[in-house]
Structures are given as C-alpha cells and as structure tokens.
C-alpha cells in the first residue's frame, strides 16, 4: 500500500485527486500509477485503470490473475469493470467510497455472482491515511 500512497501524494502535488495504485506480482511492484484525469483531460484516467493497462503491457499478458492491485480508494464502476476484465487476482484498497465504491459500498462489481471472474477483495487497509489524503485535498480546494 505504501507504493500506492506515494502515488496518491504525487497526484495531489500535481493537482489531481489523490488516488494512487500499484500492481504487485510475487511481492514486487510491477507498475505504479496515480490519477491523471486533469493532466490528460480524460475523466477515465483513474489510477487503477492506468495501473492495470500498464501492468498488462509490462507483463505481456491479458490477465493479471497472479497479481494484486493496491489502490488508495475503493474502485468505481469503470475501474471495477476493468479489474474484472483483466482478471486481477486480488484488490487491496484503503478508503471506502460511499458515493461511488463498487467493492461493497454502493455495489460490488468485483465480486458480483453473475460475472465469470470474481476478485478477492480486502478493504480498509491504511484507511485512515488514505482517507486523510482525500479529505485534505478537498478541504484545500474549497
């Protein structure tokens, strides 16, 4: 989670919503990413989507079943869909997102019984620090 938190801090320092992600395989960081929606002028450029895309390229595969995605905020519907399609083995997230979270808060795309792949999910890891980054960022913007 520390790699994802580092990325979230990088996002905040560049004016992006502080969400960071890292894909690990066998305990080694494969890729890191952070939100880039402002910089790219692309509302889909979320940390976890960028991390999944980069990991697929770096690992030369279309499946990440032996990987863990660490992300500082519970994935939204878009990112949860990409995670399922890439068949990520496990997602570990920090702060829960009661407005858009799709790993149990609003819905649960990652473990939906109707889908052919269900992701192992661990939520609330370093929740306080992940949530504080977001709170501080939005407090300063208002």
Protein backbone atom coordinates (compact mmCIF):
# COMPACT_ATOMS: atom_id res chain seq x y z
CA UNK A 1 0.00 0.00 0.00
CA UNK A 2 2.95 2.31 0.54
CA UNK A 3 3.64 2.45 -3.21
CA UNK A 4 0.00 3.40 -3.85
CA UNK A 5 0.14 6.06 -1.12
CA UNK A 6 3.29 7.51 -2.69
CA UNK A 7 1.44 7.75 -5.99
CA UNK A 8 -1.56 9.38 -4.32
CA UNK A 9 0.77 12.04 -2.88
CA UNK A 10 2.23 12.60 -6.36
CA UNK A 11 -1.28 13.06 -7.72
CA UNK A 12 -2.11 15.64 -5.06
CA UNK A 13 1.09 17.58 -5.70
CA UNK A 14 0.14 17.89 -9.37
CA UNK A 15 -3.44 19.00 -8.65
CA UNK A 16 -5.06 15.62 -9.25
CA UNK A 17 -7.45 13.91 -6.85
CA UNK A 18 -5.03 11.94 -4.65
CA UNK A 19 -5.66 8.35 -5.65
CA UNK A 20 -2.71 6.06 -6.25
CA UNK A 21 -2.36 2.48 -7.36
CA UNK A 22 0.31 -0.17 -7.67
CA UNK A 23 0.25 -3.64 -9.21
CA UNK A 24 2.39 -6.23 -7.46
CA UNK A 25 3.35 -9.69 -8.64
CA UNK A 26 5.08 -12.08 -6.28
CA UNK A 27 5.60 -9.22 -3.83
CA UNK A 28 7.37 -7.00 -6.36
CA UNK A 29 5.96 -3.73 -7.68
CA UNK A 30 5.36 -4.12 -11.41
CA UNK A 31 3.85 -0.67 -12.06
CA UNK A 32 2.63 2.40 -10.20
CA UNK A 33 0.10 4.98 -11.31
CA UNK A 34 -1.96 7.85 -10.00
CA UNK A 35 -5.00 9.77 -11.15
CA UNK A 36 -4.29 11.81 -14.28
CA UNK A 37 -7.78 12.98 -15.20
CA UNK A 38 -6.86 16.67 -15.09
CA UNK A 39 -3.50 16.41 -16.81
CA UNK A 40 -4.78 14.20 -19.60
CA UNK A 41 -8.15 15.93 -19.79
CA UNK A 42 -9.61 12.45 -19.64
CA UNK A 43 -12.21 11.55 -16.98
CA UNK A 44 -11.34 7.87 -17.40
CA UNK A 45 -7.66 8.28 -16.44
CA UNK A 46 -8.11 6.82 -12.96
CA UNK A 47 -5.13 5.40 -11.08
CA UNK A 48 -6.32 1.80 -11.10
CA UNK A 49 -7.27 1.82 -14.79
CA UNK A 50 -3.86 3.23 -15.73
CA UNK A 51 -2.09 0.72 -13.47
CA UNK A 52 -3.99 -2.22 -14.97
CA UNK A 53 -3.27 -1.07 -18.53
CA UNK A 54 0.42 -0.56 -17.78
CA UNK A 55 0.75 -3.91 -16.00
CA UNK A 56 -0.82 -5.77 -18.92
CA UNK A 57 1.76 -4.17 -21.21
CA UNK A 58 4.76 -4.69 -18.95
CA UNK A 59 3.85 -8.34 -18.30
CA UNK A 60 2.86 -9.00 -21.94
CA UNK A 61 -0.42 -10.61 -20.98
CA UNK A 62 -4.15 -10.05 -20.99
CA UNK A 63 -4.73 -11.47 -17.49
CA UNK A 64 -3.43 -10.44 -14.11
CA UNK A 65 -4.63 -13.40 -12.05
CA UNK A 66 -1.34 -13.70 -10.21
CA UNK A 67 -1.23 -10.00 -9.35
CA UNK A 68 -2.51 -7.80 -6.56
CA UNK A 69 -3.74 -4.28 -7.24
CA UNK A 70 -3.27 -1.89 -4.32
CA UNK A 71 -5.30 1.30 -4.54
CA UNK A 72 -5.89 4.05 -2.02
CA UNK A 73 -9.62 4.40 -2.76
CA UNK A 74 -12.30 1.79 -3.36
CA UNK A 75 -12.64 1.34 -7.14
CA UNK A 76 -15.52 2.93 -9.05
CA UNK A 77 -17.69 1.10 -11.59
CA UNK A 78 -15.36 1.85 -14.51
CA UNK A 79 -12.27 0.63 -12.69
CA UNK A 80 -14.02 -2.36 -11.16
CA UNK A 81 -15.12 -3.42 -14.64
CA UNK A 82 -11.57 -3.15 -15.97
CA UNK A 83 -10.25 -5.10 -12.97
CA UNK A 84 -12.73 -7.92 -13.63
CA UNK A 85 -11.99 -7.96 -17.37
CA UNK A 86 -8.24 -8.14 -16.69
CA UNK A 87 -8.94 -10.94 -14.20
CA UNK A 88 -6.89 -9.32 -11.44
CA UNK A 89 -6.44 -11.83 -8.64
CA UNK A 90 -6.77 -9.53 -5.67
CA UNK A 91 -7.59 -5.91 -4.89
CA UNK A 92 -6.46 -4.27 -1.68
CA UNK A 93 -7.88 -0.80 -1.14
CA UNK A 94 -7.62 1.86 1.52
CA UNK A 95 -10.53 4.25 1.93
CA UNK A 96 -14.11 3.22 1.28
CA UNK A 97 -16.07 5.36 -1.20
CA UNK A 98 -19.68 5.65 -0.02
CA UNK A 99 -20.65 7.64 -3.13
CA UNK A 100 -19.17 5.54 -5.94
CA UNK A 101 -17.40 2.48 -4.48
CA UNK A 102 -18.01 -0.77 -6.33
CA UNK A 103 -16.28 -3.14 -3.95
CA UNK A 104 -19.07 -3.20 -1.41
CA UNK A 105 -20.05 0.40 -0.64
CA UNK A 106 -22.55 1.26 -3.38
CA UNK A 107 -22.39 -2.03 -5.26
CA UNK A 108 -20.00 -4.91 -5.66
CA UNK A 109 -18.88 -5.39 -9.25
CA UNK A 110 -15.65 -7.06 -8.13
CA UNK A 111 -17.48 -9.97 -6.51
CA UNK A 112 -20.72 -9.98 -8.48
CA UNK A 113 -22.12 -13.52 -8.68
CA UNK A 114 -23.24 -13.09 -12.29
CA UNK A 115 -19.75 -12.46 -13.64
CA UNK A 116 -17.30 -15.13 -14.75
CA UNK A 117 -14.48 -13.73 -12.60
CA UNK A 118 -14.68 -12.63 -9.00
CA UNK A 119 -11.83 -10.79 -7.38
CA UNK A 120 -10.56 -11.32 -3.86
CA UNK A 121 -11.08 -8.01 -2.07
CA UNK A 122 -9.51 -6.62 1.08
CA UNK A 123 -10.74 -3.16 2.07
CA UNK A 124 -9.79 -0.64 4.71
CA UNK A 125 -6.01 -1.14 4.58
CA UNK A 126 -4.35 2.08 5.77
CA UNK A 127 -7.87 3.53 5.58
CA UNK A 128 -7.09 6.46 7.86
CA UNK A 129 -4.10 7.69 5.90
CA UNK A 130 -5.77 7.11 2.52
CA UNK A 131 -8.91 8.93 3.61
CA UNK A 132 -6.96 11.79 5.17
CA UNK A 133 -5.18 12.49 1.88
CA UNK A 134 -8.54 12.86 0.17
CA UNK A 135 -10.03 14.99 2.95
CA UNK A 136 -7.04 17.32 2.99
CA UNK A 137 -7.08 17.68 -0.78
CA UNK A 138 -10.75 18.59 -0.96
CA UNK A 139 -10.56 20.86 2.09
CA UNK A 140 -7.84 22.90 0.35
CA UNK A 141 -9.81 23.08 -2.89
CA UNK A 142 -12.89 24.57 -1.22
